[in-house]
């Protein structure tokens, strides 16, 4: 029983530290944030912070990975719903997933702005490029079904378009502006259908 309580308490502390780190990184950026700021914001000791996270970079990368998991879940859920309604066109499924991803960029714009700003710990750029390549590979699998395989260049362009659009959506001044931008990006992607069909 004691182990269960201790484990639950550790999870609560870890979640509080991550939430505090999110707030501090959002307010100060990575470079100006300190471990002491994060511990104080969480109402925890600096020793407790170091017990859970080895360094500031560990907190930042954990926040990034959890954000990416939530984004993947949003996109996957949207694609699954479209499949359940009978949508079978791979490119349209990509557009549906992109719409969910972009909505996530707006919903979590505080984090999206931090991660898409180009800052972060040493080596973070390598991590984000690897994440882009992973996403590109997943999109290639999705968009290269037997009915209409798409070129690698088209998949690259669609994925890059979604990534850059996410950056702009996150810094949109209002929800209305963000929604308008999302709609325009998805419409532009939609215009690629005839060209894709003609090339098969």
Protein backbone atom coordinates (compact mmCIF):
# COMPACT_ATOMS: atom_id res chain seq x y z
CA UNK A 1 0.00 0.00 0.00
CA UNK A 2 2.83 2.40 0.87
CA UNK A 3 4.49 1.81 -2.50
CA UNK A 4 1.25 2.65 -4.32
CA UNK A 5 0.80 5.87 -2.33
CA UNK A 6 4.45 6.80 -2.86
CA UNK A 7 4.19 6.11 -6.59
CA UNK A 8 1.02 8.21 -6.86
CA UNK A 9 2.66 11.05 -4.93
CA UNK A 10 5.69 10.89 -7.24
CA UNK A 11 3.41 11.08 -10.30
CA UNK A 12 1.61 14.12 -8.87
CA UNK A 13 4.92 15.83 -8.10
CA UNK A 14 6.27 15.06 -11.57
CA UNK A 15 3.11 16.44 -13.22
CA UNK A 16 3.33 19.61 -11.10
CA UNK A 17 6.98 20.08 -12.08
CA UNK A 18 6.17 19.68 -15.77
CA UNK A 19 3.29 22.14 -15.53
CA UNK A 20 5.57 24.63 -13.77
CA UNK A 21 8.24 24.11 -16.42
CA UNK A 22 5.64 24.75 -19.12
CA UNK A 23 4.69 28.03 -17.47
CA UNK A 24 8.30 29.13 -16.94
CA UNK A 25 9.46 28.21 -20.46
CA UNK A 26 6.42 29.95 -21.93
CA UNK A 27 7.06 33.12 -19.93
CA UNK A 28 10.87 33.25 -20.09
CA UNK A 29 12.02 31.03 -22.95
CA UNK A 30 14.46 28.20 -22.55
CA UNK A 31 17.66 30.20 -22.09
CA UNK A 32 16.35 32.49 -19.35
CA UNK A 33 14.46 29.81 -17.41
CA UNK A 34 16.19 28.29 -14.39
CA UNK A 35 15.66 25.12 -12.42
CA UNK A 36 15.11 27.26 -9.31
CA UNK A 37 12.34 29.21 -11.08
CA UNK A 38 10.65 25.93 -12.00
CA UNK A 39 10.94 24.43 -8.51
CA UNK A 40 9.55 27.60 -6.93
CA UNK A 41 6.67 27.78 -9.44
CA UNK A 42 5.80 24.15 -8.60
CA UNK A 43 6.08 24.73 -4.87
CA UNK A 44 8.70 21.99 -4.71
CA UNK A 45 12.25 21.79 -3.43
CA UNK A 46 15.15 21.98 -5.84
CA UNK A 47 16.16 18.51 -4.62
CA UNK A 48 12.76 17.13 -5.59
CA UNK A 49 13.10 18.68 -9.04
CA UNK A 50 16.51 17.09 -9.58
CA UNK A 51 15.16 13.78 -8.29
CA UNK A 52 12.66 13.71 -11.17
CA UNK A 53 14.60 15.54 -13.91
CA UNK A 54 18.37 15.54 -14.36
CA UNK A 55 18.57 18.96 -16.02
CA UNK A 56 16.58 21.80 -17.54
CA UNK A 57 17.02 20.16 -20.95
CA UNK A 58 15.38 16.99 -19.59
CA UNK A 59 12.28 18.98 -18.62
CA UNK A 60 12.16 20.73 -21.99
CA UNK A 61 12.52 17.55 -24.03
CA UNK A 62 9.94 15.73 -21.89
CA UNK A 63 7.46 18.56 -22.47
CA UNK A 64 8.21 18.41 -26.21
CA UNK A 65 7.74 14.64 -26.43
CA UNK A 66 4.47 14.78 -24.49
CA UNK A 67 3.23 17.61 -26.71
CA UNK A 68 4.10 15.59 -29.82
CA UNK A 69 2.26 12.55 -28.43
CA UNK A 70 -0.85 14.65 -27.88
CA UNK A 71 -0.58 16.01 -31.43
CA UNK A 72 -0.21 12.49 -32.83
CA UNK A 73 -3.26 11.40 -30.83
CA UNK A 74 -5.32 14.33 -32.15
CA UNK A 75 -4.43 13.53 -35.75
CA UNK A 76 -4.93 9.77 -35.34
CA UNK A 77 -8.31 10.27 -33.70
CA UNK A 78 -9.46 12.55 -36.54
CA UNK A 79 -8.26 10.10 -39.20
CA UNK A 80 -9.93 7.19 -37.40
CA UNK A 81 -13.23 9.11 -37.29
CA UNK A 82 -12.97 9.89 -41.02
CA UNK A 83 -12.27 6.24 -41.80
CA UNK A 84 -15.31 5.22 -39.74
CA UNK A 85 -17.43 7.56 -41.90
CA UNK A 86 -16.19 5.83 -45.04
CA UNK A 87 -13.45 8.18 -46.21
CA UNK A 88 -10.93 6.15 -48.17
CA UNK A 89 -8.89 8.71 -50.06
CA UNK A 90 -5.43 8.80 -48.51
CA UNK A 91 -4.78 12.45 -49.31
CA UNK A 92 -8.13 13.52 -47.85
CA UNK A 93 -7.28 11.53 -44.72
CA UNK A 94 -4.00 13.43 -44.52
CA UNK A 95 -5.90 16.73 -44.76
CA UNK A 96 -8.22 15.62 -41.94
CA UNK A 97 -5.23 14.70 -39.78
CA UNK A 98 -3.53 17.99 -40.61
CA UNK A 99 -6.63 19.91 -39.55
CA UNK A 100 -6.53 18.22 -36.15
CA UNK A 101 -2.78 18.88 -35.86
CA UNK A 102 -3.26 22.59 -36.65
CA UNK A 103 -6.13 22.90 -34.18
CA UNK A 104 -3.75 21.41 -31.60
CA UNK A 105 -1.16 24.06 -32.47
CA UNK A 106 -3.74 26.70 -31.60
CA UNK A 107 -5.09 24.94 -28.50
CA UNK A 108 -1.56 24.53 -27.11
CA UNK A 109 -0.11 27.65 -28.69
CA UNK A 110 1.90 28.48 -25.57
CA UNK A 111 3.96 25.31 -26.03
CA UNK A 112 3.84 25.35 -29.83
CA UNK A 113 5.39 28.84 -29.86
CA UNK A 114 8.15 27.73 -27.50
CA UNK A 115 9.02 24.62 -29.51
CA UNK A 116 8.70 26.23 -32.94
CA UNK A 117 10.71 29.33 -32.03
CA UNK A 118 14.05 27.72 -32.81
CA UNK A 119 15.34 27.85 -29.23
CA UNK A 120 15.88 25.02 -26.78
CA UNK A 121 18.77 23.01 -25.43
CA UNK A 122 21.81 21.94 -27.42
CA UNK A 123 20.84 19.22 -29.86
CA UNK A 124 17.14 20.12 -29.82
CA UNK A 125 17.26 21.01 -33.51
CA UNK A 126 18.49 17.50 -34.28
CA UNK A 127 15.60 16.06 -32.25
CA UNK A 128 13.01 18.16 -34.11
CA UNK A 129 14.50 17.23 -37.49
CA UNK A 130 14.30 13.56 -36.52
CA UNK A 131 10.70 14.10 -35.46
CA UNK A 132 10.00 15.67 -38.88
CA UNK A 133 11.58 12.67 -40.63
CA UNK A 134 9.50 10.28 -38.50
CA UNK A 135 6.36 12.22 -39.38
CA UNK A 136 7.35 12.24 -43.03
CA UNK A 137 7.79 8.46 -43.00
CA UNK A 138 4.42 7.96 -41.28
CA UNK A 139 2.76 10.24 -43.84
CA UNK A 140 4.42 8.36 -46.69
CA UNK A 141 2.87 5.14 -45.42
CA UNK A 142 -0.55 6.79 -45.09
CA UNK A 143 -0.44 8.47 -48.48
CA UNK A 144 0.97 5.59 -50.48
CA UNK A 145 -1.94 3.20 -50.41
CA UNK A 146 -2.52 0.88 -53.37
CA UNK A 147 -5.27 3.04 -54.87
CA UNK A 148 -3.23 6.19 -55.41
CA UNK A 149 0.44 6.21 -54.51
CA UNK A 150 1.90 9.69 -54.17
CA UNK A 151 5.40 10.81 -54.93
CA UNK A 152 7.92 11.32 -52.13
CA UNK A 153 8.23 14.97 -53.15
CA UNK A 154 4.48 15.57 -52.78
CA UNK A 155 4.47 13.91 -49.34
CA UNK A 156 7.46 16.05 -48.35
CA UNK A 157 5.71 19.23 -49.51
CA UNK A 158 2.48 18.38 -47.69
CA UNK A 159 4.33 17.58 -44.47
CA UNK A 160 6.45 20.74 -44.67
CA UNK A 161 3.32 22.78 -45.39
CA UNK A 162 1.62 21.38 -42.29
CA UNK A 163 4.70 22.06 -40.13
CA UNK A 164 5.09 25.67 -41.28
CA UNK A 165 1.36 26.29 -41.01
CA UNK A 166 1.50 25.08 -37.41
CA UNK A 167 4.12 27.70 -36.66
CA UNK A 168 1.90 30.47 -38.05
CA UNK A 169 -1.29 29.20 -36.42
CA UNK A 170 0.44 29.18 -33.03
CA UNK A 171 1.28 32.88 -33.31
CA UNK A 172 -2.05 33.98 -34.80
CA UNK A 173 -3.44 36.94 -32.81
CA UNK A 174 -6.97 35.53 -32.49
CA UNK A 175 -8.83 32.25 -32.77
CA UNK A 176 -10.76 33.63 -35.76
CA UNK A 177 -7.51 34.37 -37.57
CA UNK A 178 -6.11 30.94 -36.67
CA UNK A 179 -9.25 29.18 -37.92
CA UNK A 180 -9.16 31.17 -41.16
CA UNK A 181 -5.53 30.23 -41.70
CA UNK A 182 -6.26 26.56 -41.00
CA UNK A 183 -9.14 26.60 -43.48
CA UNK A 184 -6.99 28.20 -46.18
CA UNK A 185 -4.16 25.71 -45.68
CA UNK A 186 -6.54 22.74 -45.88
CA UNK A 187 -8.22 24.20 -48.97
CA UNK A 188 -4.83 24.65 -50.63
CA UNK A 189 -3.95 21.04 -49.85
CA UNK A 190 -7.31 20.05 -51.32
CA UNK A 191 -6.40 21.64 -54.63
CA UNK A 192 -3.66 19.06 -55.02
CA UNK A 193 -6.16 16.22 -55.54
CA UNK A 194 -6.62 16.63 -59.30
CA UNK A 195 -2.87 16.95 -59.88
CA UNK A 196 -2.27 13.86 -57.76
CA UNK A 197 -4.93 11.89 -59.63
CA UNK A 198 -3.59 12.97 -63.01
CA UNK A 199 -0.09 11.82 -62.10
CA UNK A 200 -1.12 8.27 -61.18
